[in-house]
Amino acid sequence: MKYGKNKPTKDQQKRLDALFVQGYEVAVCHSYEEAKGIISKYLGICNN
């Protein structure tokens, strides 16, 4: 999670890239709703 317009640091981005290459789902979210949507989609949960 990041606040406002903050972006991952270079070290954080390297970690995210490494996890993605290994097949993990990765995302940087800026709100609860954004995170909830990504997690729900990943788990196949309907967002009603």
C-alpha atoms as a PDB file:
ATOM      1  CA  MET A   1       0.000   0.000   0.000  1.00  0.00           C
ATOM      2  CA  LYS A   2       1.148   3.485  -0.822  1.00  0.00           C
ATOM      3  CA  TYR A   3      -0.326   6.802   0.219  1.00  0.00           C
ATOM      4  CA  GLY A   4      -1.208   9.581  -2.193  1.00  0.00           C
ATOM      5  CA  LYS A   5       1.052   9.707  -5.235  1.00  0.00           C
ATOM      6  CA  ASN A   6       3.892   7.784  -3.575  1.00  0.00           C
ATOM      7  CA  LYS A   7       5.589   5.126  -5.665  1.00  0.00           C
ATOM      8  CA  PRO A   8       7.634   2.087  -4.662  1.00  0.00           C
ATOM      9  CA  THR A   9      11.286   2.756  -3.938  1.00  0.00           C
ATOM     10  CA  LYS A  10      13.844   1.261  -6.310  1.00  0.00           C
ATOM     11  CA  ASP A  11      14.437  -1.588  -3.840  1.00  0.00           C
ATOM     12  CA  GLN A  12      10.713  -2.231  -3.466  1.00  0.00           C
ATOM     13  CA  GLN A  13      10.234  -2.250  -7.233  1.00  0.00           C
ATOM     14  CA  LYS A  14      13.107  -4.710  -7.658  1.00  0.00           C
ATOM     15  CA  ARG A  15      11.418  -7.007  -5.110  1.00  0.00           C
ATOM     16  CA  LEU A  16       8.046  -6.682  -6.847  1.00  0.00           C
ATOM     17  CA  ASP A  17       9.639  -7.449 -10.227  1.00  0.00           C
ATOM     18  CA  ALA A  18      11.453 -10.493  -8.820  1.00  0.00           C
ATOM     19  CA  LEU A  19       8.235 -11.844  -7.282  1.00  0.00           C
ATOM     20  CA  PHE A  20       6.337 -11.267 -10.543  1.00  0.00           C
ATOM     21  CA  VAL A  21       8.951 -13.177 -12.537  1.00  0.00           C
ATOM     22  CA  GLN A  22       8.507 -16.073 -10.096  1.00  0.00           C
ATOM     23  CA  GLY A  23       4.772 -16.137 -10.854  1.00  0.00           C
ATOM     24  CA  TYR A  24       3.396 -14.179  -7.906  1.00  0.00           C
ATOM     25  CA  GLU A  25       0.583 -11.667  -8.318  1.00  0.00           C
ATOM     26  CA  VAL A  26       1.931  -8.248  -7.348  1.00  0.00           C
ATOM     27  CA  ALA A  27       0.344  -4.802  -7.211  1.00  0.00           C
ATOM     28  CA  VAL A  28       0.894  -1.438  -5.607  1.00  0.00           C
ATOM     29  CA  CYS A  29      -2.393  -0.097  -4.289  1.00  0.00           C
ATOM     30  CA  HIS A  30      -3.279   3.377  -3.072  1.00  0.00           C
ATOM     31  CA  SER A  31      -6.575   2.589  -1.341  1.00  0.00           C
ATOM     32  CA  TYR A  32      -8.475  -0.127   0.452  1.00  0.00           C
ATOM     33  CA  GLU A  33     -10.984  -0.326  -2.412  1.00  0.00           C
ATOM     34  CA  GLU A  34      -8.231  -0.809  -4.994  1.00  0.00           C
ATOM     35  CA  ALA A  35      -6.604  -3.551  -2.909  1.00  0.00           C
ATOM     36  CA  LYS A  36      -9.968  -5.201  -2.259  1.00  0.00           C
ATOM     37  CA  GLY A  37     -10.722  -5.277  -5.994  1.00  0.00           C
ATOM     38  CA  ILE A  38      -7.362  -6.776  -6.916  1.00  0.00           C
ATOM     39  CA  ILE A  39      -7.519  -9.408  -4.173  1.00  0.00           C
ATOM     40  CA  SER A  40     -11.140 -10.290  -4.987  1.00  0.00           C
ATOM     41  CA  LYS A  41     -10.329 -10.673  -8.679  1.00  0.00           C
ATOM     42  CA  TYR A  42      -7.306 -12.830  -7.853  1.00  0.00           C
ATOM     43  CA  LEU A  43      -9.376 -15.079  -5.608  1.00  0.00           C
ATOM     44  CA  GLY A  44     -12.325 -15.163  -8.018  1.00  0.00           C
ATOM     45  CA  ILE A  45     -14.656 -13.530  -5.497  1.00  0.00           C
ATOM     46  CA  CYS A  46     -17.602 -11.520  -6.796  1.00  0.00           C
ATOM     47  CA  ASN A  47     -17.529  -7.829  -5.744  1.00  0.00           C
ATOM     48  CA  ASN A  48     -21.269  -7.315  -5.213  1.00  0.00           C
END
